[in-house]
Amino acid sequence: MNIIEKQKILNIDLNSAREIYNYALKNEYVSVNYLADQIIATEDSKYIYYFAKDVKNAPMNKLAETIIKIGNPEYIYYFAREIKNAPMEKLIDALIRTKNAKNIYSFAKNIENAPIDKFTEIIMNSNDAEYIYNFAKDIKNVDVNKLAKKVIKTNNAKYIYLFINNIKNVAIDIFIDTLIENKNAKNIYSFAINIETKKLKIDVQQIKKLEKAIIEIQNPEYIYLFARDLKSASINNLTEAISKTNNVKYIYLFAKNIENTLVDKLADTIIKTENIEFITLFAKNIKDAPIEKLTEAVIKTNDFKNIISFAKIVEKAPIKELTKKVVETKNPEYIYLFAKEIKNAPIEILTEAIIKTENVEFIILFAKKIKRALVDKLADAIIATNKLEYIELFILEINDAPIEKLADAIIKMQNLDYIYSLAKKVKPSLIDKLADVVVKSNNPKVIYLFARDIKNAPIEKLTDAIIATNNLEYIKLFASDVKKVSLIKINDELQRFIDKKCELLAFENELVSKFIQKEYKKIF
């Protein structure tokens, strides 16, 4: 290179491999060796490769050495593929050192005389299922059985089954033995399904071999799937195997979805796990499930939540047996909830049971919330407490409470005032019933107060009652203080009363009789 050429280059700021490469293409008169040195110094594999490929008279060996030194597998492969007279052996050795499966596969596929045996070892050692498969599929004269063993060990289901389906001359026994050796239940199951559905040449003994391996691994999911999906599977053997795993989910699914399985055996296993959720599901959903046996298992837990859940969910559950267990707890909350939650629960038995607990809160709640509850019996239980506040609460809370019976109980406790007080709190529809109790009492004070203070009180009925007491003091108060009272009726009744009094006194003197009448009228 002369001084003028060198000066031209020095005056140009070539900062990148790309600029050096482009400059070399456009300026053929510039020294190629000088520019090669410049681009080598950048260690940019891409433009070193381009330089070797596109620049005339480029020092190929020097550029190849640089590519090898940098060790970029992609450009080692490109260099070997595109550059004429490239040092192939050196590039192959360099590529092998990179252990890059993708470019080794590409080299073997696209460049003649590639060292297939060496490349096969590299591909296998990469554990890259995609390129192991691709190598077996696309590279001639490769040992596919050797690659088959390796692809199985990657546990990559996609490429294992692409291998089986697409690679010719693979020995099935190699796959089977390697799968069993690896003890990967998923791959064994998938392989068995693949060969059965693809109708590959395989005998029943080979399937049995895979089945035995699945059983020995004791993976419940794939024992279940093997039984469900393979026509040639031995259901009895797999039933035994799934039972030994004690995995409630897959034991349940096995019983639910596998035809001709040993349901009783699986039920026994489920019971031994003491998993109430799956015992309940088993009883609910498994055809021919031994309901009595499963019910006993639930009862033995002595857990009310389990019992009520079982009774509620399992349509065929023996309600009487479960009711008996609930009653035995003597727990008022359990008895109440069982009656509330369980359809067709024997309400009469549960009513008796709730009464025996003597728990007022739940007796009242039972009467209020349970349909078909024996309200009269529950009222009797409340009356038996001899507690006025409980009787009042029953009257207030229970719509169809036997008011007269409850009110009579209050009266028997010599507390008519409580009836009067209660009337202030009850619904209007109950006022008449309480008024009847007050009327029967013949107590003038309570009759008067009831008529005066209770809204919606039946005044006419109470008017008759106050008159019937013959108590002039309270009759007077009634007439003066009770709204809407019929004064005419009271006057008429009083007149009859006065006339009767006069007759009884049998005064002969008419003046005395008139005097008595006058004095009585003064009272009013």
Protein backbone atom coordinates (compact mmCIF):
# COMPACT_ATOMS: atom_id res chain seq x y z
CA MET A 1 0.00 0.00 0.00
CA ASN A 2 1.49 3.33 -1.01
CA ILE A 3 1.59 6.42 1.19
CA ILE A 4 -1.39 8.08 -0.58
CA GLU A 5 -3.64 5.03 -0.04
CA LYS A 6 -2.62 4.73 3.60
CA GLN A 7 -3.28 8.43 4.14
CA LYS A 8 -6.77 8.05 2.65
CA ILE A 9 -7.63 5.30 5.14
CA LEU A 10 -6.16 7.16 8.08
CA ASN A 11 -8.22 10.23 7.16
CA ILE A 12 -11.41 8.13 7.27
CA ASP A 13 -12.87 7.35 10.68
CA LEU A 14 -13.68 3.61 10.44
CA ASN A 15 -15.22 2.99 13.85
CA SER A 16 -17.01 -0.30 13.27
CA ALA A 17 -16.65 -3.64 11.49
CA ARG A 18 -19.61 -2.71 9.34
CA GLU A 19 -17.87 0.48 8.12
CA ILE A 20 -14.66 -1.43 7.40
CA TYR A 21 -16.61 -4.09 5.48
CA ASN A 22 -18.55 -1.50 3.44
CA TYR A 23 -15.33 0.47 2.75
CA ALA A 24 -13.61 -2.67 1.46
CA LEU A 25 -16.47 -3.37 -0.94
CA LYS A 26 -16.37 0.11 -2.45
CA ASN A 27 -12.60 0.69 -2.57
CA GLU A 28 -10.92 -2.14 -4.38
CA TYR A 29 -7.61 -0.26 -4.70
CA VAL A 30 -7.12 -0.25 -0.89
CA SER A 31 -4.97 -3.03 0.62
CA VAL A 32 -7.30 -5.96 1.51
CA ASN A 33 -4.81 -7.36 4.03
CA TYR A 34 -4.68 -4.05 5.87
CA LEU A 35 -8.49 -3.86 6.05
CA ALA A 36 -8.66 -7.55 7.06
CA ASP A 37 -6.42 -6.79 10.00
CA GLN A 38 -8.68 -3.89 10.92
CA ILE A 39 -11.86 -5.97 10.83
CA ILE A 40 -10.19 -8.86 12.70
CA ALA A 41 -9.37 -6.45 15.47
CA THR A 42 -13.10 -5.73 15.97
CA GLU A 43 -13.76 -9.44 16.72
CA ASP A 44 -17.20 -9.02 15.11
CA SER A 45 -17.98 -12.54 13.80
CA LYS A 46 -20.77 -11.40 11.52
CA TYR A 47 -18.68 -8.90 9.47
CA ILE A 48 -15.56 -11.03 9.56
CA TYR A 49 -17.67 -13.75 7.90
CA TYR A 50 -19.13 -11.23 5.42
CA PHE A 51 -15.62 -9.92 4.69
CA ALA A 52 -14.37 -13.43 3.89
CA LYS A 53 -17.40 -14.12 1.70
CA ASP A 54 -17.76 -10.85 -0.21
CA VAL A 55 -14.37 -9.11 -0.41
CA LYS A 56 -12.13 -10.19 -3.27
CA ASN A 57 -8.79 -11.69 -2.32
CA ALA A 58 -9.65 -11.66 1.38
CA PRO A 59 -7.08 -13.65 3.44
CA MET A 60 -9.46 -16.57 4.10
CA ASN A 61 -7.17 -18.61 6.38
CA LYS A 62 -6.42 -15.62 8.60
CA LEU A 63 -10.17 -14.79 8.83
CA ALA A 64 -11.04 -18.47 9.48
CA GLU A 65 -8.54 -18.59 12.36
CA THR A 66 -10.21 -15.53 13.84
CA ILE A 67 -13.72 -17.03 13.52
CA ILE A 68 -12.43 -20.22 15.20
CA LYS A 69 -10.77 -18.20 17.96
CA ILE A 70 -13.94 -16.20 18.66
CA GLY A 71 -15.92 -19.47 18.81
CA ASN A 72 -19.34 -18.22 17.67
CA PRO A 73 -21.02 -21.50 16.52
CA GLU A 74 -23.41 -19.82 14.10
CA TYR A 75 -20.62 -18.12 12.10
CA ILE A 76 -18.32 -21.12 12.31
CA TYR A 77 -21.13 -23.04 10.57
CA TYR A 78 -21.76 -20.23 8.06
CA PHE A 79 -18.02 -19.97 7.32
CA ALA A 80 -17.78 -23.70 6.64
CA ARG A 81 -20.90 -23.62 4.47
CA GLU A 82 -20.23 -20.48 2.38
CA ILE A 83 -16.49 -19.91 2.12
CA LYS A 84 -14.70 -21.85 -0.59
CA ASN A 85 -11.55 -23.67 0.42
CA ALA A 86 -12.23 -22.99 4.10
CA PRO A 87 -10.14 -25.16 6.49
CA MET A 88 -12.99 -27.62 7.07
CA GLU A 89 -11.38 -29.86 9.66
CA LYS A 90 -10.38 -26.92 11.81
CA LEU A 91 -13.88 -25.46 11.57
CA ILE A 92 -15.48 -28.83 12.42
CA ASP A 93 -13.26 -29.18 15.49
CA ALA A 94 -14.16 -25.64 16.52
CA LEU A 95 -17.85 -26.31 16.06
CA ILE A 96 -17.63 -29.51 18.11
CA ARG A 97 -15.98 -27.56 20.91
CA THR A 98 -18.97 -25.20 21.04
CA LYS A 99 -21.32 -28.17 21.68
CA ASN A 100 -24.07 -26.16 19.99
CA ALA A 101 -26.78 -28.64 18.94
CA LYS A 102 -28.56 -26.33 16.54
CA ASN A 103 -25.52 -25.52 14.39
CA ILE A 104 -24.07 -29.03 14.57
CA TYR A 105 -27.42 -30.34 13.31
CA SER A 106 -27.46 -27.70 10.55
CA PHE A 107 -23.85 -28.59 9.60
CA ALA A 108 -24.65 -32.31 9.40
CA LYS A 109 -27.78 -31.63 7.37
CA ASN A 110 -26.36 -29.14 4.85
CA ILE A 111 -22.63 -29.84 4.47
CA GLU A 112 -21.29 -32.98 2.85
CA ASN A 113 -18.83 -35.29 4.57
CA ALA A 114 -19.73 -34.13 8.05
CA PRO A 115 -18.39 -36.45 10.80
CA ILE A 116 -21.79 -37.93 11.72
CA ASP A 117 -20.55 -40.15 14.53
CA LYS A 118 -18.82 -37.27 16.31
CA PHE A 119 -21.80 -35.01 15.76
CA THR A 120 -24.16 -37.70 17.07
CA GLU A 121 -22.31 -37.79 20.38
CA ILE A 122 -22.47 -34.00 20.70
CA ILE A 123 -26.19 -33.97 19.88
CA MET A 124 -26.87 -36.71 22.43
CA ASN A 125 -24.84 -35.00 25.14
CA SER A 126 -26.73 -31.75 24.57
CA ASN A 127 -29.93 -33.34 25.99
CA ASP A 128 -31.82 -31.08 23.59
CA ALA A 129 -34.85 -33.17 22.60
CA GLU A 130 -35.67 -31.05 19.57
CA TYR A 131 -32.28 -31.53 17.90
CA ILE A 132 -31.97 -35.15 18.96
CA TYR A 133 -35.25 -35.76 17.14
CA ASN A 134 -34.30 -33.57 14.16
CA PHE A 135 -30.93 -35.31 13.90
CA ALA A 136 -32.58 -38.73 13.77
CA LYS A 137 -35.15 -37.51 11.25
CA ASP A 138 -32.94 -35.61 8.80
CA ILE A 139 -29.42 -37.04 8.98
CA LYS A 140 -28.68 -40.10 6.86
CA ASN A 141 -26.94 -43.16 8.27
CA VAL A 142 -27.37 -42.04 11.88
CA ASP A 143 -27.94 -44.62 14.65
CA VAL A 144 -31.62 -43.91 15.43
CA ASN A 145 -31.84 -46.45 18.26
CA LYS A 146 -28.97 -44.74 20.04
CA LEU A 147 -30.76 -41.41 19.68
CA ALA A 148 -34.05 -43.02 20.75
CA LYS A 149 -32.62 -43.92 24.15
CA LYS A 150 -31.38 -40.38 24.60
CA VAL A 151 -34.60 -38.62 23.57
CA ILE A 152 -36.52 -40.68 26.12
CA LYS A 153 -34.16 -39.56 28.87
CA THR A 154 -34.93 -35.91 28.13
CA ASN A 155 -38.51 -36.56 29.36
CA ASN A 156 -39.75 -34.19 26.66
CA ALA A 157 -43.10 -35.75 25.73
CA LYS A 158 -43.52 -33.81 22.48
CA TYR A 159 -40.29 -34.99 20.86
CA ILE A 160 -40.45 -38.48 22.33
CA TYR A 161 -43.73 -39.07 20.55
CA LEU A 162 -42.68 -37.30 17.37
CA PHE A 163 -39.73 -39.69 17.42
CA ILE A 164 -41.99 -42.71 17.78
CA ASN A 165 -44.34 -41.59 15.04
CA ASN A 166 -41.88 -40.28 12.47
CA ILE A 167 -38.58 -42.12 12.81
CA LYS A 168 -38.46 -45.37 10.91
CA ASN A 169 -36.62 -48.51 11.99
CA VAL A 170 -36.70 -47.71 15.70
CA ALA A 171 -36.86 -50.79 17.93
CA ILE A 172 -39.95 -50.50 20.15
CA ASP A 173 -38.29 -52.60 22.86
CA ILE A 174 -35.59 -49.95 23.20
CA PHE A 175 -38.26 -47.37 23.95
CA ILE A 176 -40.06 -49.65 26.38
CA ASP A 177 -36.93 -50.68 28.27
CA THR A 178 -35.58 -47.13 28.45
CA LEU A 179 -38.93 -45.74 29.61
CA ILE A 180 -39.14 -48.36 32.34
CA GLU A 181 -35.54 -47.68 33.35
CA ASN A 182 -36.27 -43.94 33.64
CA LYS A 183 -39.34 -44.56 35.84
CA ASN A 184 -41.26 -41.62 34.39
CA ALA A 185 -44.94 -42.53 34.75
CA LYS A 186 -46.16 -39.81 32.39
CA ASN A 187 -43.92 -40.98 29.56
CA ILE A 188 -44.77 -44.64 30.10
CA TYR A 189 -48.51 -43.86 29.99
CA SER A 190 -48.18 -41.58 26.96
CA PHE A 191 -46.06 -44.14 25.11
CA ALA A 192 -48.58 -46.90 25.81
CA ILE A 193 -51.45 -44.71 24.57
CA ASN A 194 -49.46 -43.73 21.50
CA ILE A 195 -48.62 -47.24 20.43
CA GLU A 196 -52.15 -48.51 21.10
CA THR A 197 -53.92 -45.70 19.24
CA LYS A 198 -51.38 -45.68 16.39
CA LYS A 199 -51.74 -49.46 16.11
CA LEU A 200 -48.03 -49.99 15.98
CA LYS A 201 -46.78 -53.55 15.93
CA ILE A 202 -46.69 -54.34 19.60
CA ASP A 203 -47.90 -57.39 21.46
CA VAL A 204 -49.99 -57.53 24.62
CA GLN A 205 -46.99 -58.56 26.70
CA GLN A 206 -45.28 -55.27 25.92
CA ILE A 207 -48.35 -53.38 27.16
CA LYS A 208 -48.36 -55.56 30.28
CA LYS A 209 -44.71 -54.69 30.78
CA LEU A 210 -45.57 -50.97 30.70
CA GLU A 211 -48.56 -51.56 32.99
CA LYS A 212 -46.33 -53.34 35.51
CA ALA A 213 -43.91 -50.40 35.42
CA ILE A 214 -46.75 -47.92 36.04
CA ILE A 215 -47.89 -49.99 39.02
CA GLU A 216 -44.37 -50.20 40.48
CA ILE A 217 -43.86 -46.43 40.22
CA GLN A 218 -47.09 -45.98 42.27
CA ASN A 219 -48.01 -42.68 40.65
CA PRO A 220 -51.80 -42.49 41.30
CA GLU A 221 -52.56 -40.09 38.44
CA TYR A 222 -51.05 -42.32 35.77
CA ILE A 223 -52.35 -45.56 37.28
CA TYR A 224 -55.80 -44.01 36.93
CA LEU A 225 -55.18 -42.69 33.40
CA PHE A 226 -53.68 -46.03 32.30
CA ALA A 227 -56.82 -47.84 33.46
CA ARG A 228 -59.11 -45.24 31.93
CA ASP A 229 -57.50 -44.90 28.51
CA LEU A 230 -55.94 -48.24 27.57
CA LYS A 231 -58.30 -50.89 26.29
CA SER A 232 -55.89 -53.70 27.13
CA ALA A 233 -55.31 -52.54 30.72
CA SER A 234 -55.93 -55.01 33.55
CA ILE A 235 -58.52 -53.23 35.71
CA ASN A 236 -58.20 -55.58 38.68
CA ASN A 237 -54.42 -55.16 38.85
CA LEU A 238 -54.70 -51.39 38.53
CA THR A 239 -57.48 -51.29 41.16
CA GLU A 240 -55.13 -53.01 43.61
CA ALA A 241 -52.40 -50.54 42.65
CA ILE A 242 -54.51 -47.41 43.05
CA SER A 243 -55.71 -48.66 46.45
CA LYS A 244 -52.14 -48.96 47.71
CA THR A 245 -51.40 -45.31 46.88
CA ASN A 246 -54.03 -44.10 49.43
CA ASN A 247 -54.56 -41.08 47.18
CA VAL A 248 -58.21 -40.19 47.79
CA LYS A 249 -58.63 -38.04 44.70
CA TYR A 250 -57.55 -40.70 42.21
CA ILE A 251 -59.15 -43.58 44.12
CA TYR A 252 -62.43 -41.66 43.87
CA LEU A 253 -61.91 -40.86 40.17
CA PHE A 254 -60.99 -44.50 39.54
CA ALA A 255 -64.24 -45.69 41.10
CA LYS A 256 -66.25 -43.01 39.28
CA ASN A 257 -64.84 -43.36 35.77
CA ILE A 258 -63.44 -46.88 35.36
CA GLU A 259 -65.93 -49.53 34.36
CA ASN A 260 -65.94 -52.95 36.04
CA THR A 261 -63.72 -51.81 38.88
CA LEU A 262 -63.88 -53.28 42.41
CA VAL A 263 -66.05 -50.60 44.02
CA ASP A 264 -66.21 -52.24 47.46
CA LYS A 265 -62.42 -52.50 47.66
CA LEU A 266 -61.99 -48.86 46.70
CA ALA A 267 -64.66 -47.86 49.24
CA ASP A 268 -62.73 -49.72 51.96
CA THR A 269 -59.58 -47.82 51.01
CA ILE A 270 -61.37 -44.47 51.01
CA ILE A 271 -62.78 -45.26 54.45
CA LYS A 272 -59.32 -46.09 55.82
CA THR A 273 -58.04 -42.67 54.74
CA GLU A 274 -60.70 -41.06 57.01
CA ASN A 275 -61.06 -38.28 54.44
CA ILE A 276 -64.69 -37.29 55.00
CA GLU A 277 -64.92 -35.09 51.91
CA PHE A 278 -64.12 -37.99 49.60
CA ILE A 279 -66.08 -40.54 51.66
CA THR A 280 -69.08 -38.27 51.10
CA LEU A 281 -68.36 -37.81 47.39
CA PHE A 282 -67.90 -41.55 47.02
CA ALA A 283 -71.31 -42.21 48.58
CA LYS A 284 -72.94 -39.49 46.49
CA ASN A 285 -71.51 -40.20 43.04
CA ILE A 286 -70.29 -43.80 42.80
CA LYS A 287 -72.73 -46.28 41.37
CA ASP A 288 -73.22 -49.29 43.68
CA ALA A 289 -71.28 -47.60 46.48
CA PRO A 290 -71.79 -49.40 49.84
CA ILE A 291 -73.81 -46.60 51.47
CA GLU A 292 -74.25 -48.28 54.87
CA LYS A 293 -70.53 -48.91 55.23
CA LEU A 294 -69.70 -45.33 54.22
CA THR A 295 -72.36 -43.99 56.60
CA GLU A 296 -70.82 -45.92 59.48
CA ALA A 297 -67.45 -44.35 58.67
CA VAL A 298 -68.96 -40.87 58.87
CA ILE A 299 -70.78 -41.63 62.12
CA LYS A 300 -67.57 -42.95 63.71
CA THR A 301 -65.95 -39.54 63.29
CA ASN A 302 -68.34 -38.18 65.95
CA ASP A 303 -68.15 -34.91 64.06
CA PHE A 304 -71.54 -33.28 63.58
CA LYS A 305 -70.36 -31.21 60.61
CA ASN A 306 -69.42 -34.43 58.82
CA ILE A 307 -72.74 -36.05 59.62
CA ILE A 308 -74.89 -33.13 58.46
CA SER A 309 -72.80 -32.69 55.31
CA PHE A 310 -73.16 -36.39 54.49
CA ALA A 311 -76.92 -36.36 55.11
CA LYS A 312 -77.35 -33.22 53.02
CA ILE A 313 -75.22 -34.27 50.04
CA VAL A 314 -75.87 -38.01 49.76
CA GLU A 315 -79.29 -38.64 48.32
CA LYS A 316 -79.43 -42.26 49.52
CA ALA A 317 -78.08 -41.54 52.99
CA PRO A 318 -79.91 -43.44 55.77
CA ILE A 319 -81.46 -40.42 57.49
CA LYS A 320 -82.86 -42.39 60.45
CA GLU A 321 -79.43 -43.71 61.43
CA LEU A 322 -77.86 -40.27 61.09
CA THR A 323 -80.73 -38.71 63.07
CA LYS A 324 -80.15 -41.22 65.86
CA LYS A 325 -76.50 -40.19 66.05
CA VAL A 326 -77.40 -36.49 66.13
CA VAL A 327 -79.96 -37.08 68.89
CA GLU A 328 -77.35 -38.97 70.91
CA THR A 329 -75.16 -35.89 71.00
CA LYS A 330 -77.83 -34.10 73.10
CA ASN A 331 -76.46 -30.93 71.53
CA PRO A 332 -79.33 -28.49 70.85
CA GLU A 333 -77.48 -26.67 68.08
CA TYR A 334 -76.78 -29.93 66.20
CA ILE A 335 -80.36 -31.11 66.59
CA TYR A 336 -81.72 -27.78 65.37
CA LEU A 337 -79.33 -27.56 62.38
CA PHE A 338 -80.02 -31.15 61.36
CA ALA A 339 -83.76 -30.44 61.33
CA LYS A 340 -83.18 -27.20 59.42
CA GLU A 341 -80.74 -28.48 56.77
CA ILE A 342 -81.87 -32.04 56.05
CA LYS A 343 -84.86 -32.74 53.86
CA ASN A 344 -87.15 -35.47 55.15
CA ALA A 345 -85.55 -35.32 58.60
CA PRO A 346 -87.88 -36.96 61.18
CA ILE A 347 -89.16 -33.75 62.78
CA GLU A 348 -91.17 -35.47 65.53
CA ILE A 349 -88.07 -37.30 66.81
CA LEU A 350 -86.00 -34.12 66.58
CA THR A 351 -88.71 -32.09 68.34
CA GLU A 352 -88.63 -34.53 71.27
CA ALA A 353 -84.83 -34.38 71.26
CA ILE A 354 -84.65 -30.58 71.32
CA ILE A 355 -87.15 -30.51 74.20
CA LYS A 356 -85.01 -32.91 76.22
CA THR A 357 -82.04 -30.56 75.97
CA GLU A 358 -84.08 -27.98 77.97
CA ASN A 359 -82.27 -25.26 76.01
CA VAL A 360 -84.83 -22.46 75.73
CA GLU A 361 -82.96 -20.57 73.00
CA PHE A 362 -82.94 -23.53 70.62
CA ILE A 363 -86.44 -24.73 71.56
CA ILE A 364 -87.80 -21.32 70.50
CA LEU A 365 -85.55 -21.24 67.41
CA PHE A 366 -86.77 -24.74 66.50
CA ALA A 367 -90.40 -23.66 66.78
CA LYS A 368 -89.74 -20.52 64.76
CA LYS A 369 -87.58 -21.86 61.89
CA ILE A 370 -88.38 -25.55 61.42
CA LYS A 371 -91.24 -26.40 59.11
CA ARG A 372 -93.53 -29.07 60.49
CA ALA A 373 -92.20 -28.45 64.01
CA LEU A 374 -94.61 -29.66 66.72
CA VAL A 375 -95.27 -26.17 68.08
CA ASP A 376 -97.75 -27.29 70.75
CA LYS A 377 -95.21 -29.68 72.26
CA LEU A 378 -92.52 -27.02 72.14
CA ALA A 379 -94.90 -24.57 73.83
CA ASP A 380 -95.51 -27.13 76.58
CA ALA A 381 -91.75 -27.36 77.10
CA ILE A 382 -91.51 -23.58 77.45
CA ILE A 383 -94.46 -23.50 79.85
CA ALA A 384 -92.77 -26.20 81.93
CA THR A 385 -89.88 -23.81 82.62
CA ASN A 386 -92.27 -21.64 84.71
CA LYS A 387 -90.37 -18.60 83.42
CA LEU A 388 -92.61 -15.73 82.39
CA GLU A 389 -89.92 -14.17 80.16
CA TYR A 390 -89.56 -17.43 78.18
CA ILE A 391 -93.30 -17.79 77.71
CA GLU A 392 -93.52 -14.17 76.57
CA LEU A 393 -90.62 -14.72 74.14
CA PHE A 394 -92.34 -17.77 72.67
CA ILE A 395 -95.54 -15.79 72.13
CA LEU A 396 -93.66 -12.91 70.52
CA GLU A 397 -91.41 -15.03 68.27
CA ILE A 398 -93.69 -17.85 67.10
CA ASN A 399 -96.41 -16.92 64.60
CA ASP A 400 -98.58 -19.96 65.24
CA ALA A 401 -97.96 -20.19 68.97
CA PRO A 402 -100.93 -21.51 71.03
CA ILE A 403 -101.65 -18.14 72.66
CA GLU A 404 -104.48 -19.21 74.93
CA LYS A 405 -102.45 -22.08 76.37
CA LEU A 406 -99.46 -19.82 76.95
CA ALA A 407 -101.60 -17.03 78.39
CA ASP A 408 -103.33 -19.50 80.71
CA ALA A 409 -99.91 -20.51 81.94
CA ILE A 410 -99.16 -16.89 82.76
CA ILE A 411 -102.49 -16.57 84.56
CA LYS A 412 -101.82 -19.72 86.58
CA MET A 413 -98.67 -18.07 87.77
CA GLN A 414 -101.00 -15.37 89.15
CA ASN A 415 -99.58 -12.72 86.92
CA LEU A 416 -102.40 -11.15 84.92
CA ASP A 417 -100.35 -7.99 84.82
CA TYR A 418 -97.90 -9.86 82.58
CA ILE A 419 -100.71 -10.53 80.09
CA TYR A 420 -101.47 -6.81 80.08
CA SER A 421 -97.77 -6.02 79.60
CA LEU A 422 -97.47 -8.64 76.87
CA ALA A 423 -100.40 -7.21 74.94
CA LYS A 424 -98.40 -4.01 74.42
CA LYS A 425 -95.74 -5.96 72.50
CA VAL A 426 -97.57 -8.51 70.38
CA LYS A 427 -98.89 -8.18 66.85
CA PRO A 428 -102.46 -6.81 66.41
CA SER A 429 -103.62 -10.25 65.31
CA LEU A 430 -102.90 -11.63 68.79
CA ILE A 431 -104.68 -8.90 70.77
CA ASP A 432 -108.07 -10.63 70.57
CA LYS A 433 -106.67 -13.87 71.98
CA LEU A 434 -105.05 -12.08 74.91
CA ALA A 435 -108.24 -10.08 75.46
CA ASP A 436 -110.16 -13.36 75.74
CA VAL A 437 -107.80 -14.47 78.51
CA VAL A 438 -108.32 -11.15 80.30
CA VAL A 439 -112.10 -11.45 79.94
CA LYS A 440 -112.05 -14.96 81.42
CA SER A 441 -110.06 -13.71 84.40
CA ASN A 442 -113.01 -11.48 85.53
CA ASN A 443 -110.39 -9.16 87.04
CA PRO A 444 -111.81 -5.62 86.80
CA LYS A 445 -108.47 -3.87 87.13
CA VAL A 446 -106.80 -5.79 84.28
CA ILE A 447 -109.93 -5.56 82.09
CA TYR A 448 -109.97 -1.80 82.62
CA LEU A 449 -106.24 -1.32 81.99
CA PHE A 450 -106.34 -3.58 78.93
CA ALA A 451 -109.20 -1.59 77.38
CA ARG A 452 -107.61 1.75 78.26
CA ASP A 453 -104.00 1.12 77.16
CA ILE A 454 -103.93 -1.59 74.52
CA LYS A 455 -104.18 -0.38 70.96
CA ASN A 456 -106.74 -2.33 68.90
CA ALA A 457 -108.24 -3.86 72.04
CA PRO A 458 -111.80 -5.26 71.44
CA ILE A 459 -113.65 -2.57 73.45
CA GLU A 460 -117.12 -4.02 73.07
CA LYS A 461 -116.03 -7.39 74.42
CA LEU A 462 -114.15 -5.72 77.27
CA THR A 463 -117.17 -3.48 78.02
CA ASP A 464 -119.31 -6.58 78.57
CA ALA A 465 -116.55 -8.02 80.74
CA ILE A 466 -116.19 -4.95 82.98
CA ILE A 467 -119.97 -4.76 83.46
CA ALA A 468 -120.01 -8.46 84.36
CA THR A 469 -117.58 -7.83 87.24
CA ASN A 470 -120.20 -5.66 89.03
CA ASN A 471 -117.30 -3.55 90.29
CA LEU A 472 -118.73 -0.03 90.28
CA GLU A 473 -115.35 1.63 90.86
CA TYR A 474 -113.76 0.15 87.73
CA ILE A 475 -116.98 0.43 85.69
CA LYS A 476 -116.87 4.17 86.40
CA LEU A 477 -113.19 4.37 85.44
CA PHE A 478 -113.90 2.33 82.30
CA ALA A 479 -116.69 4.67 81.26
CA SER A 480 -114.61 7.79 81.80
CA ASP A 481 -111.14 6.68 80.55
CA VAL A 482 -111.64 4.16 77.75
CA LYS A 483 -111.89 5.64 74.27
CA LYS A 484 -114.72 4.53 71.99
CA VAL A 485 -116.59 2.98 74.89
CA SER A 486 -120.36 2.63 74.43
CA LEU A 487 -121.73 4.77 77.27
CA ILE A 488 -125.28 3.97 76.28
CA LYS A 489 -124.61 0.28 76.78
CA ILE A 490 -122.99 0.94 80.16
CA ASN A 491 -125.89 3.19 81.23
CA ASP A 492 -128.40 0.55 80.18
CA GLU A 493 -126.55 -2.14 82.04
CA LEU A 494 -126.22 0.10 85.09
CA GLN A 495 -129.87 0.90 85.04
CA ARG A 496 -130.69 -2.77 85.05
CA PHE A 497 -128.16 -3.21 87.85
CA ILE A 498 -129.82 -0.41 89.90
CA ASP A 499 -133.28 -1.78 89.30
CA LYS A 500 -132.11 -5.18 90.43
CA LYS A 501 -130.54 -3.68 93.57
CA CYS A 502 -133.77 -1.93 94.38
CA GLU A 503 -135.76 -5.07 93.98
CA LEU A 504 -133.36 -6.94 96.20
CA LEU A 505 -133.67 -4.34 98.93
CA ALA A 506 -137.45 -4.65 98.57
CA PHE A 507 -138.11 -1.16 99.92
CA GLU A 508 -141.83 -0.51 100.17
CA ASN A 509 -141.41 3.22 100.38
CA GLU A 510 -141.27 4.61 96.84
CA LEU A 511 -139.39 7.71 98.03
CA VAL A 512 -136.62 5.59 99.53
CA SER A 513 -136.34 3.64 96.25
CA LYS A 514 -136.00 6.86 94.28
CA PHE A 515 -133.40 8.11 96.75
CA ILE A 516 -131.32 4.94 96.27
CA GLN A 517 -131.52 5.30 92.51
CA LYS A 518 -130.47 8.93 92.77
CA GLU A 519 -127.49 8.11 95.00
CA TYR A 520 -126.24 5.33 92.69
CA LYS A 521 -126.45 7.69 89.72
CA LYS A 522 -124.31 10.24 91.55
CA ILE A 523 -121.48 7.74 91.46
CA PHE A 524 -121.44 8.13 87.69
